[in-house]
Amino acid sequence: MKYLMPLLFICLLIMVVRNLTLPGAMEGVKFYLLPDFSKINAKLFIAVLGQVFFALSLGFGVMITLSSYLQKNENMIKTAIATGVLNTLIALLAGFMIFPSLFSFGLSPDQGPSLVFQTLPIVFSHIYFGNVIALVFFLLLITAALTTSLPIYEVIITTLKEKYHLSRLKAINITLGFIFICGNIPCILAYGPSEDIVWQGKNIFDIFDFVSGNILFVLTSLGTLLFVGFVLKDDAKKELSNNGTLAPKLINVWYVYIKYFLPFVIALIFIAGIFPESIDSILNLWQSY
């Protein structure tokens, strides 16, 4: 993490510079940056909030794991702001890496996450030592994905250690074995022997994605908010403000925000994910008034 992730960031910058010099790249930049205000509505806002769960790993247990390594005198307000800013910066750079090359090579911009595997190989073929750079970049990308998943597993591993008094090695083997057998194998088979197993137009991988993204992550976040707001109460304020030494007025605003406002927003995201047609009905009713 200390050396490879900065190297991935450097590779990202190199790709951005190269993509911006491609023929027709500015059309991709315009498509990326110029908003279509006719598409901005409440439904889009809900979709954006849902994306935040993935972008900041909310509801995964990642934040719980990483924050457990912080010292007691850590300024969590600054840490949270830095996390959001860096996450947004990387996301913006990734857009400059993808969209200019899409328009330069005449590819469709609506293919979702697979775009990175469609556009980048083409770009690598048009730069010096492209094969070497491509190998390094995708190895770093795999490393980033694996290291991101480690904090998710750590929550389960620590629970097995503390609640059932298992050794760390045994807890790791049980966790990764269960994930591989019950998660990875079914998802891999969804694009092979099990591709005919479909429920409401979704294969096994899509079902896993839907249940985790629209139900489990959202409910975990909602439960966390309710626990902090109605159970921890003043203890949460003390932790965040370092026992009242950091921005006490801001902490009080934060507390009201996470106790009352955010649970309502997350409940709305949950309804939108499970019953998208209900959101359409609510919005139509709102517009009629």
C-alpha atoms as a PDB file:
ATOM      1  CA  MET A   1       0.000   0.000   0.000  1.00  0.00           C
ATOM      2  CA  LYS A   2       2.818   2.380   0.900  1.00  0.00           C
ATOM      3  CA  TYR A   3       4.597   2.069  -2.462  1.00  0.00           C
ATOM      4  CA  LEU A   4       2.248   0.428  -4.967  1.00  0.00           C
ATOM      5  CA  MET A   5      -0.738   2.734  -4.534  1.00  0.00           C
ATOM      6  CA  PRO A   6       1.313   5.911  -5.204  1.00  0.00           C
ATOM      7  CA  LEU A   7       2.705   4.090  -8.245  1.00  0.00           C
ATOM      8  CA  LEU A   8      -0.867   3.378  -9.413  1.00  0.00           C
ATOM      9  CA  PHE A   9      -1.660   7.081  -8.977  1.00  0.00           C
ATOM     10  CA  ILE A  10       1.353   8.008 -11.138  1.00  0.00           C
ATOM     11  CA  CYS A  11       0.201   5.557 -13.827  1.00  0.00           C
ATOM     12  CA  LEU A  12      -3.242   7.135 -13.653  1.00  0.00           C
ATOM     13  CA  LEU A  13      -1.751  10.594 -14.255  1.00  0.00           C
ATOM     14  CA  ILE A  14       0.259   9.279 -17.223  1.00  0.00           C
ATOM     15  CA  MET A  15      -2.894   7.788 -18.744  1.00  0.00           C
ATOM     16  CA  VAL A  16      -4.822  11.033 -18.234  1.00  0.00           C
ATOM     17  CA  VAL A  17      -2.115  13.091 -19.981  1.00  0.00           C
ATOM     18  CA  ARG A  18      -1.921  10.628 -22.865  1.00  0.00           C
ATOM     19  CA  ASN A  19      -5.689  10.417 -23.309  1.00  0.00           C
ATOM     20  CA  LEU A  20      -6.080  14.197 -23.391  1.00  0.00           C
ATOM     21  CA  THR A  21      -3.673  14.341 -26.357  1.00  0.00           C
ATOM     22  CA  LEU A  22      -5.629  11.820 -28.458  1.00  0.00           C
ATOM     23  CA  PRO A  23      -7.539  13.041 -31.557  1.00  0.00           C
ATOM     24  CA  GLY A  24     -11.125  13.904 -30.605  1.00  0.00           C
ATOM     25  CA  ALA A  25     -10.342  13.765 -26.886  1.00  0.00           C
ATOM     26  CA  MET A  26     -12.002  17.121 -26.212  1.00  0.00           C
ATOM     27  CA  GLU A  27     -15.371  15.707 -27.278  1.00  0.00           C
ATOM     28  CA  GLY A  28     -15.011  13.166 -24.515  1.00  0.00           C
ATOM     29  CA  VAL A  29     -14.062  15.891 -22.041  1.00  0.00           C
ATOM     30  CA  LYS A  30     -17.167  17.888 -22.997  1.00  0.00           C
ATOM     31  CA  PHE A  31     -19.359  14.810 -22.593  1.00  0.00           C
ATOM     32  CA  TYR A  32     -17.773  14.185 -19.199  1.00  0.00           C
ATOM     33  CA  LEU A  33     -17.894  17.705 -17.750  1.00  0.00           C
ATOM     34  CA  LEU A  34     -20.825  19.534 -19.338  1.00  0.00           C
ATOM     35  CA  PRO A  35     -24.031  18.690 -17.438  1.00  0.00           C
ATOM     36  CA  ASP A  36     -27.359  17.940 -19.051  1.00  0.00           C
ATOM     37  CA  PHE A  37     -29.673  19.759 -16.637  1.00  0.00           C
ATOM     38  CA  SER A  38     -32.725  18.033 -18.100  1.00  0.00           C
ATOM     39  CA  LYS A  39     -31.460  14.763 -16.559  1.00  0.00           C
ATOM     40  CA  ILE A  40     -30.934  16.212 -13.064  1.00  0.00           C
ATOM     41  CA  ASN A  41     -33.898  15.279 -10.883  1.00  0.00           C
ATOM     42  CA  ALA A  42     -34.730  13.694  -7.537  1.00  0.00           C
ATOM     43  CA  LYS A  43     -34.395  10.175  -8.917  1.00  0.00           C
ATOM     44  CA  LEU A  44     -30.865  10.888 -10.131  1.00  0.00           C
ATOM     45  CA  PHE A  45     -30.012  12.391  -6.748  1.00  0.00           C
ATOM     46  CA  ILE A  46     -31.098   9.155  -5.047  1.00  0.00           C
ATOM     47  CA  ALA A  47     -28.988   7.140  -7.500  1.00  0.00           C
ATOM     48  CA  VAL A  48     -25.966   9.339  -6.730  1.00  0.00           C
ATOM     49  CA  LEU A  49     -26.421   8.804  -2.997  1.00  0.00           C
ATOM     50  CA  GLY A  50     -26.514   5.066  -3.623  1.00  0.00           C
ATOM     51  CA  GLN A  51     -23.236   5.312  -5.529  1.00  0.00           C
ATOM     52  CA  VAL A  52     -21.668   7.000  -2.495  1.00  0.00           C
ATOM     53  CA  PHE A  53     -22.086   3.731  -0.580  1.00  0.00           C
ATOM     54  CA  PHE A  54     -19.698   2.047  -3.016  1.00  0.00           C
ATOM     55  CA  ALA A  55     -17.330   4.981  -3.499  1.00  0.00           C
ATOM     56  CA  LEU A  56     -16.681   5.430   0.236  1.00  0.00           C
ATOM     57  CA  SER A  57     -17.195   1.756   1.173  1.00  0.00           C
ATOM     58  CA  LEU A  58     -20.093   2.604   3.495  1.00  0.00           C
ATOM     59  CA  GLY A  59     -21.894  -0.387   4.933  1.00  0.00           C
ATOM     60  CA  PHE A  60     -19.012  -2.762   4.161  1.00  0.00           C
ATOM     61  CA  GLY A  61     -17.388  -2.562   7.582  1.00  0.00           C
ATOM     62  CA  VAL A  62     -14.315  -0.999   5.962  1.00  0.00           C
ATOM     63  CA  MET A  63     -14.604   2.279   7.851  1.00  0.00           C
ATOM     64  CA  ILE A  64     -15.033   0.388  11.129  1.00  0.00           C
ATOM     65  CA  THR A  65     -11.843  -1.570  10.517  1.00  0.00           C
ATOM     66  CA  LEU A  66      -9.722   1.359   9.353  1.00  0.00           C
ATOM     67  CA  SER A  67     -10.922   3.698  12.098  1.00  0.00           C
ATOM     68  CA  SER A  68     -10.078   1.086  14.745  1.00  0.00           C
ATOM     69  CA  TYR A  69      -6.399   1.730  13.954  1.00  0.00           C
ATOM     70  CA  LEU A  70      -6.670   5.469  14.672  1.00  0.00           C
ATOM     71  CA  GLN A  71      -5.198   6.900  17.828  1.00  0.00           C
ATOM     72  CA  LYS A  72      -7.449   8.462  20.445  1.00  0.00           C
ATOM     73  CA  ASN A  73      -6.207  11.976  19.670  1.00  0.00           C
ATOM     74  CA  GLU A  74      -6.810  11.645  15.921  1.00  0.00           C
ATOM     75  CA  ASN A  75      -8.757  14.520  14.374  1.00  0.00           C
ATOM     76  CA  MET A  76     -11.482  12.457  12.726  1.00  0.00           C
ATOM     77  CA  ILE A  77     -13.118  15.517  11.149  1.00  0.00           C
ATOM     78  CA  LYS A  78      -9.975  16.278   9.123  1.00  0.00           C
ATOM     79  CA  THR A  79      -9.517  12.592   8.348  1.00  0.00           C
ATOM     80  CA  ALA A  80     -13.079  12.302   7.048  1.00  0.00           C
ATOM     81  CA  ILE A  81     -12.730  15.441   4.902  1.00  0.00           C
ATOM     82  CA  ALA A  82      -9.406  14.226   3.478  1.00  0.00           C
ATOM     83  CA  THR A  83     -10.952  10.848   2.668  1.00  0.00           C
ATOM     84  CA  GLY A  84     -13.857  12.419   0.786  1.00  0.00           C
ATOM     85  CA  VAL A  85     -11.636  14.881  -1.108  1.00  0.00           C
ATOM     86  CA  LEU A  86      -9.101  12.241  -2.175  1.00  0.00           C
ATOM     87  CA  ASN A  87     -11.858   9.836  -3.199  1.00  0.00           C
ATOM     88  CA  THR A  88     -13.473  12.512  -5.357  1.00  0.00           C
ATOM     89  CA  LEU A  89     -10.129  13.526  -6.875  1.00  0.00           C
ATOM     90  CA  ILE A  90      -9.308   9.955  -7.908  1.00  0.00           C
ATOM     91  CA  ALA A  91     -12.794   9.498  -9.352  1.00  0.00           C
ATOM     92  CA  LEU A  92     -12.476  12.685 -11.424  1.00  0.00           C
ATOM     93  CA  LEU A  93      -9.065  11.603 -12.743  1.00  0.00           C
ATOM     94  CA  ALA A  94     -10.477   8.198 -13.649  1.00  0.00           C
ATOM     95  CA  GLY A  95     -13.096   9.965 -15.761  1.00  0.00           C
ATOM     96  CA  PHE A  96     -10.394  11.872 -17.633  1.00  0.00           C
ATOM     97  CA  MET A  97      -8.659   8.544 -18.181  1.00  0.00           C
ATOM     98  CA  ILE A  98     -11.741   6.895 -19.699  1.00  0.00           C
ATOM     99  CA  PHE A  99     -13.987   9.333 -21.576  1.00  0.00           C
ATOM    100  CA  PRO A 100     -11.494  11.058 -23.918  1.00  0.00           C
ATOM    101  CA  SER A 101     -10.339   7.684 -25.261  1.00  0.00           C
ATOM    102  CA  LEU A 102     -13.965   6.554 -25.725  1.00  0.00           C
ATOM    103  CA  PHE A 103     -14.721   9.365 -28.144  1.00  0.00           C
ATOM    104  CA  SER A 104     -11.308   9.167 -29.751  1.00  0.00           C
ATOM    105  CA  PHE A 105     -11.818   5.526 -30.735  1.00  0.00           C
ATOM    106  CA  GLY A 106     -15.591   5.656 -31.287  1.00  0.00           C
ATOM    107  CA  LEU A 107     -16.671   3.501 -28.344  1.00  0.00           C
ATOM    108  CA  SER A 108     -19.997   3.753 -26.514  1.00  0.00           C
ATOM    109  CA  PRO A 109     -19.826   5.545 -23.127  1.00  0.00           C
ATOM    110  CA  ASP A 110     -22.635   3.548 -21.486  1.00  0.00           C
ATOM    111  CA  GLN A 111     -20.959   0.195 -20.853  1.00  0.00           C
ATOM    112  CA  GLY A 112     -20.449   0.657 -17.117  1.00  0.00           C
ATOM    113  CA  PRO A 113     -17.487  -0.732 -15.133  1.00  0.00           C
ATOM    114  CA  SER A 114     -16.246  -2.803 -18.095  1.00  0.00           C
ATOM    115  CA  LEU A 115     -15.164   0.430 -19.836  1.00  0.00           C
ATOM    116  CA  VAL A 116     -11.777   0.315 -18.151  1.00  0.00           C
ATOM    117  CA  PHE A 117     -11.070  -3.050 -19.782  1.00  0.00           C
ATOM    118  CA  GLN A 118     -12.321  -1.874 -23.181  1.00  0.00           C
ATOM    119  CA  THR A 119     -10.676   1.506 -23.554  1.00  0.00           C
ATOM    120  CA  LEU A 120      -7.354   1.176 -21.755  1.00  0.00           C
ATOM    121  CA  PRO A 121      -5.993  -1.725 -23.860  1.00  0.00           C
ATOM    122  CA  ILE A 122      -6.617   0.413 -26.967  1.00  0.00           C
ATOM    123  CA  VAL A 123      -4.815   3.366 -25.391  1.00  0.00           C
ATOM    124  CA  PHE A 124      -1.895   1.197 -24.296  1.00  0.00           C
ATOM    125  CA  SER A 125      -1.457   0.032 -27.874  1.00  0.00           C
ATOM    126  CA  HIS A 126      -0.888   3.641 -28.973  1.00  0.00           C
ATOM    127  CA  ILE A 127       1.896   4.578 -26.530  1.00  0.00           C
ATOM    128  CA  TYR A 128       5.564   3.608 -26.251  1.00  0.00           C
ATOM    129  CA  PHE A 129       6.204   0.471 -24.162  1.00  0.00           C
ATOM    130  CA  GLY A 130       2.434   0.076 -23.994  1.00  0.00           C
ATOM    131  CA  ASN A 131       2.543  -3.657 -23.222  1.00  0.00           C
ATOM    132  CA  VAL A 132       4.824  -3.122 -20.234  1.00  0.00           C
ATOM    133  CA  ILE A 133       2.773  -0.203 -18.929  1.00  0.00           C
ATOM    134  CA  ALA A 134      -0.444  -2.180 -19.389  1.00  0.00           C
ATOM    135  CA  LEU A 135       0.965  -5.113 -17.413  1.00  0.00           C
ATOM    136  CA  VAL A 136       2.087  -2.841 -14.572  1.00  0.00           C
ATOM    137  CA  PHE A 137      -1.170  -0.872 -14.537  1.00  0.00           C
ATOM    138  CA  PHE A 138      -3.492  -3.877 -14.375  1.00  0.00           C
ATOM    139  CA  LEU A 139      -1.326  -5.609 -11.766  1.00  0.00           C
ATOM    140  CA  LEU A 140      -1.560  -2.465  -9.662  1.00  0.00           C
ATOM    141  CA  LEU A 141      -5.313  -2.343 -10.284  1.00  0.00           C
ATOM    142  CA  ILE A 142      -5.670  -5.930  -9.044  1.00  0.00           C
ATOM    143  CA  THR A 143      -3.570  -5.053  -5.995  1.00  0.00           C
ATOM    144  CA  ALA A 144      -5.804  -2.065  -5.277  1.00  0.00           C
ATOM    145  CA  ALA A 145      -8.912  -4.269  -5.521  1.00  0.00           C
ATOM    146  CA  LEU A 146      -7.477  -6.929  -3.211  1.00  0.00           C
ATOM    147  CA  THR A 147      -6.214  -4.470  -0.605  1.00  0.00           C
ATOM    148  CA  THR A 148      -9.592  -2.744  -0.638  1.00  0.00           C
ATOM    149  CA  SER A 149     -11.296  -6.052   0.151  1.00  0.00           C
ATOM    150  CA  LEU A 150      -8.976  -6.880   3.077  1.00  0.00           C
ATOM    151  CA  PRO A 151     -10.677  -4.512   5.560  1.00  0.00           C
ATOM    152  CA  ILE A 152     -14.027  -6.117   4.679  1.00  0.00           C
ATOM    153  CA  TYR A 153     -12.698  -9.545   5.652  1.00  0.00           C
ATOM    154  CA  GLU A 154     -11.020  -8.143   8.772  1.00  0.00           C
ATOM    155  CA  VAL A 155     -14.391  -7.375  10.383  1.00  0.00           C
ATOM    156  CA  ILE A 156     -15.456 -11.024  10.042  1.00  0.00           C
ATOM    157  CA  ILE A 157     -12.029 -12.374  11.033  1.00  0.00           C
ATOM    158  CA  THR A 158     -11.879 -10.261  14.197  1.00  0.00           C
ATOM    159  CA  THR A 159     -15.415 -11.291  15.152  1.00  0.00           C
ATOM    160  CA  LEU A 160     -14.517 -14.985  14.815  1.00  0.00           C
ATOM    161  CA  LYS A 161     -11.397 -14.431  16.922  1.00  0.00           C
ATOM    162  CA  GLU A 162     -13.076 -12.501  19.722  1.00  0.00           C
ATOM    163  CA  LYS A 163     -16.462 -14.231  19.907  1.00  0.00           C
ATOM    164  CA  TYR A 164     -15.417 -17.836  19.235  1.00  0.00           C
ATOM    165  CA  HIS A 165     -11.784 -17.682  20.473  1.00  0.00           C
ATOM    166  CA  LEU A 166     -10.320 -18.972  17.207  1.00  0.00           C
ATOM    167  CA  SER A 167      -6.731 -18.427  16.163  1.00  0.00           C
ATOM    168  CA  ARG A 168      -6.170 -15.748  13.546  1.00  0.00           C
ATOM    169  CA  LEU A 169      -5.022 -18.284  10.955  1.00  0.00           C
ATOM    170  CA  LYS A 170      -8.104 -20.456  11.479  1.00  0.00           C
ATOM    171  CA  ALA A 171     -10.397 -17.407  11.337  1.00  0.00           C
ATOM    172  CA  ILE A 172      -8.765 -16.288   8.060  1.00  0.00           C
ATOM    173  CA  ASN A 173      -9.103 -19.755   6.505  1.00  0.00           C
ATOM    174  CA  ILE A 174     -12.760 -20.056   7.516  1.00  0.00           C
ATOM    175  CA  THR A 175     -13.609 -16.564   6.240  1.00  0.00           C
ATOM    176  CA  LEU A 176     -11.829 -16.792   2.898  1.00  0.00           C
ATOM    177  CA  GLY A 177     -12.949 -20.397   2.358  1.00  0.00           C
ATOM    178  CA  PHE A 178     -16.592 -19.507   2.946  1.00  0.00           C
ATOM    179  CA  ILE A 179     -16.359 -16.462   0.661  1.00  0.00           C
ATOM    180  CA  PHE A 180     -14.677 -18.476  -2.097  1.00  0.00           C
ATOM    181  CA  ILE A 181     -17.134 -21.395  -1.978  1.00  0.00           C
ATOM    182  CA  CYS A 182     -20.370 -19.474  -1.413  1.00  0.00           C
ATOM    183  CA  GLY A 183     -19.489 -16.248  -3.215  1.00  0.00           C
ATOM    184  CA  ASN A 184     -16.757 -16.483  -5.826  1.00  0.00           C
ATOM    185  CA  ILE A 185     -17.607 -19.863  -7.348  1.00  0.00           C
ATOM    186  CA  PRO A 186     -21.334 -19.131  -7.929  1.00  0.00           C
ATOM    187  CA  CYS A 187     -20.496 -15.729  -9.455  1.00  0.00           C
ATOM    188  CA  ILE A 188     -17.903 -17.266 -11.790  1.00  0.00           C
ATOM    189  CA  LEU A 189     -20.298 -20.030 -12.857  1.00  0.00           C
ATOM    190  CA  ALA A 190     -22.950 -17.385 -13.584  1.00  0.00           C
ATOM    191  CA  TYR A 191     -21.074 -16.629 -16.821  1.00  0.00           C
ATOM    192  CA  GLY A 192     -20.511 -20.289 -17.658  1.00  0.00           C
ATOM    193  CA  PRO A 193     -22.370 -23.487 -16.736  1.00  0.00           C
ATOM    194  CA  SER A 194     -24.933 -21.625 -14.585  1.00  0.00           C
ATOM    195  CA  GLU A 195     -25.712 -18.842 -17.041  1.00  0.00           C
ATOM    196  CA  ASP A 196     -29.217 -20.248 -17.598  1.00  0.00           C
ATOM    197  CA  ILE A 197     -30.113 -19.768 -13.937  1.00  0.00           C
ATOM    198  CA  VAL A 198     -31.939 -16.438 -14.074  1.00  0.00           C
ATOM    199  CA  TRP A 199     -34.391 -14.752 -11.709  1.00  0.00           C
ATOM    200  CA  GLN A 200     -36.325 -11.706 -12.951  1.00  0.00           C
ATOM    201  CA  GLY A 201     -33.742 -11.154 -15.669  1.00  0.00           C
ATOM    202  CA  LYS A 202     -30.771 -11.403 -13.291  1.00  0.00           C
ATOM    203  CA  ASN A 203     -28.136 -14.133 -13.263  1.00  0.00           C
ATOM    204  CA  ILE A 204     -26.461 -15.319 -10.052  1.00  0.00           C
ATOM    205  CA  PHE A 205     -23.819 -12.584 -10.127  1.00  0.00           C
ATOM    206  CA  ASP A 206     -26.446  -9.883 -10.685  1.00  0.00           C
ATOM    207  CA  ILE A 207     -28.531 -11.245  -7.795  1.00  0.00           C
ATOM    208  CA  PHE A 208     -25.509 -11.154  -5.485  1.00  0.00           C
ATOM    209  CA  ASP A 209     -24.804  -7.607  -6.601  1.00  0.00           C
ATOM    210  CA  PHE A 210     -28.416  -6.526  -6.136  1.00  0.00           C
ATOM    211  CA  VAL A 211     -28.815  -8.043  -2.664  1.00  0.00           C
ATOM    212  CA  SER A 212     -25.510  -6.701  -1.381  1.00  0.00           C
ATOM    213  CA  GLY A 213     -25.725  -3.250  -2.987  1.00  0.00           C
ATOM    214  CA  ASN A 214     -29.416  -2.506  -2.512  1.00  0.00           C
ATOM    215  CA  ILE A 215     -30.215  -4.345   0.709  1.00  0.00           C
ATOM    216  CA  LEU A 216     -27.311  -5.420   2.912  1.00  0.00           C
ATOM    217  CA  PHE A 217     -25.003  -2.398   2.584  1.00  0.00           C
ATOM    218  CA  VAL A 218     -27.860   0.061   2.956  1.00  0.00           C
ATOM    219  CA  LEU A 219     -29.373  -1.671   5.983  1.00  0.00           C
ATOM    220  CA  THR A 220     -25.939  -1.935   7.632  1.00  0.00           C
ATOM    221  CA  SER A 221     -25.448   1.804   7.224  1.00  0.00           C
ATOM    222  CA  LEU A 222     -28.944   2.503   8.543  1.00  0.00           C
ATOM    223  CA  GLY A 223     -28.329   0.267  11.555  1.00  0.00           C
ATOM    224  CA  THR A 224     -25.019   2.022  12.236  1.00  0.00           C
ATOM    225  CA  LEU A 225     -26.681   5.446  12.170  1.00  0.00           C
ATOM    226  CA  LEU A 226     -29.447   4.342  14.521  1.00  0.00           C
ATOM    227  CA  PHE A 227     -26.900   2.781  16.883  1.00  0.00           C
ATOM    228  CA  VAL A 228     -24.739   5.927  16.954  1.00  0.00           C
ATOM    229  CA  GLY A 229     -27.711   8.289  17.214  1.00  0.00           C
ATOM    230  CA  PHE A 230     -29.861   6.462  19.755  1.00  0.00           C
ATOM    231  CA  VAL A 231     -27.467   4.195  21.661  1.00  0.00           C
ATOM    232  CA  LEU A 232     -23.993   5.775  21.744  1.00  0.00           C
ATOM    233  CA  LYS A 233     -25.333   9.354  21.917  1.00  0.00           C
ATOM    234  CA  ASP A 234     -22.907  11.469  23.971  1.00  0.00           C
ATOM    235  CA  ASP A 235     -20.181   8.817  23.724  1.00  0.00           C
ATOM    236  CA  ALA A 236     -20.173   9.292  19.947  1.00  0.00           C
ATOM    237  CA  LYS A 237     -19.835  13.058  20.371  1.00  0.00           C
ATOM    238  CA  LYS A 238     -16.916  12.610  22.762  1.00  0.00           C
ATOM    239  CA  GLU A 239     -15.115  10.278  20.368  1.00  0.00           C
ATOM    240  CA  LEU A 240     -15.544  12.584  17.397  1.00  0.00           C
ATOM    241  CA  SER A 241     -14.642  15.774  19.290  1.00  0.00           C
ATOM    242  CA  ASN A 242     -11.759  14.245  21.295  1.00  0.00           C
ATOM    243  CA  ASN A 243     -13.668  14.818  24.531  1.00  0.00           C
ATOM    244  CA  GLY A 244     -14.937  18.252  23.545  1.00  0.00           C
ATOM    245  CA  THR A 245     -11.659  19.746  22.350  1.00  0.00           C
ATOM    246  CA  LEU A 246     -12.591  19.823  18.641  1.00  0.00           C
ATOM    247  CA  ALA A 247     -15.419  21.940  17.144  1.00  0.00           C
ATOM    248  CA  PRO A 248     -18.168  21.155  19.711  1.00  0.00           C
ATOM    249  CA  LYS A 249     -20.813  23.203  17.863  1.00  0.00           C
ATOM    250  CA  LEU A 250     -20.073  21.399  14.600  1.00  0.00           C
ATOM    251  CA  ILE A 251     -20.290  18.063  16.413  1.00  0.00           C
ATOM    252  CA  ASN A 252     -23.800  18.917  17.649  1.00  0.00           C
ATOM    253  CA  VAL A 253     -24.898  19.729  14.086  1.00  0.00           C
ATOM    254  CA  TRP A 254     -23.359  16.448  12.916  1.00  0.00           C
ATOM    255  CA  TYR A 255     -25.221  14.537  15.629  1.00  0.00           C
ATOM    256  CA  VAL A 256     -28.617  15.924  14.622  1.00  0.00           C
ATOM    257  CA  TYR A 257     -27.750  15.227  10.991  1.00  0.00           C
ATOM    258  CA  ILE A 258     -26.908  11.562  11.514  1.00  0.00           C
ATOM    259  CA  LYS A 259     -29.694  10.958  14.034  1.00  0.00           C
ATOM    260  CA  TYR A 260     -32.638  12.365  12.098  1.00  0.00           C
ATOM    261  CA  PHE A 261     -31.801  13.428   8.540  1.00  0.00           C
ATOM    262  CA  LEU A 262     -29.514  10.662   7.255  1.00  0.00           C
ATOM    263  CA  PRO A 263     -31.740   7.736   8.374  1.00  0.00           C
ATOM    264  CA  PHE A 264     -34.542   9.278   6.300  1.00  0.00           C
ATOM    265  CA  VAL A 265     -32.243   9.642   3.263  1.00  0.00           C
ATOM    266  CA  ILE A 266     -30.932   6.082   3.575  1.00  0.00           C
ATOM    267  CA  ALA A 267     -34.463   4.732   3.943  1.00  0.00           C
ATOM    268  CA  LEU A 268     -35.304   6.550   0.703  1.00  0.00           C
ATOM    269  CA  ILE A 269     -32.290   4.993  -1.011  1.00  0.00           C
ATOM    270  CA  PHE A 270     -33.359   1.571   0.251  1.00  0.00           C
ATOM    271  CA  ILE A 271     -36.898   1.986  -1.111  1.00  0.00           C
ATOM    272  CA  ALA A 272     -35.515   3.237  -4.427  1.00  0.00           C
ATOM    273  CA  GLY A 273     -33.241   0.219  -4.729  1.00  0.00           C
ATOM    274  CA  ILE A 274     -35.902  -2.360  -3.889  1.00  0.00           C
ATOM    275  CA  PHE A 275     -38.991  -0.708  -5.370  1.00  0.00           C
ATOM    276  CA  PRO A 276     -37.847   1.743  -8.073  1.00  0.00           C
ATOM    277  CA  GLU A 277     -41.388   2.096  -9.391  1.00  0.00           C
ATOM    278  CA  SER A 278     -42.530   3.446  -6.013  1.00  0.00           C
ATOM    279  CA  ILE A 279     -40.074   6.331  -6.309  1.00  0.00           C
ATOM    280  CA  ASP A 280     -41.502   7.145  -9.737  1.00  0.00           C
ATOM    281  CA  SER A 281     -44.999   7.243  -8.223  1.00  0.00           C
ATOM    282  CA  ILE A 282     -43.881   9.503  -5.359  1.00  0.00           C
ATOM    283  CA  LEU A 283     -42.101  11.877  -7.756  1.00  0.00           C
ATOM    284  CA  ASN A 284     -45.088  12.006 -10.089  1.00  0.00           C
ATOM    285  CA  LEU A 285     -47.368  12.754  -7.137  1.00  0.00           C
ATOM    286  CA  TRP A 286     -44.982  15.497  -5.971  1.00  0.00           C
ATOM    287  CA  GLN A 287     -44.867  17.051  -9.439  1.00  0.00           C
ATOM    288  CA  SER A 288     -48.662  16.989  -9.680  1.00  0.00           C
ATOM    289  CA  TYR A 289     -48.843  19.207  -6.588  1.00  0.00           C
END
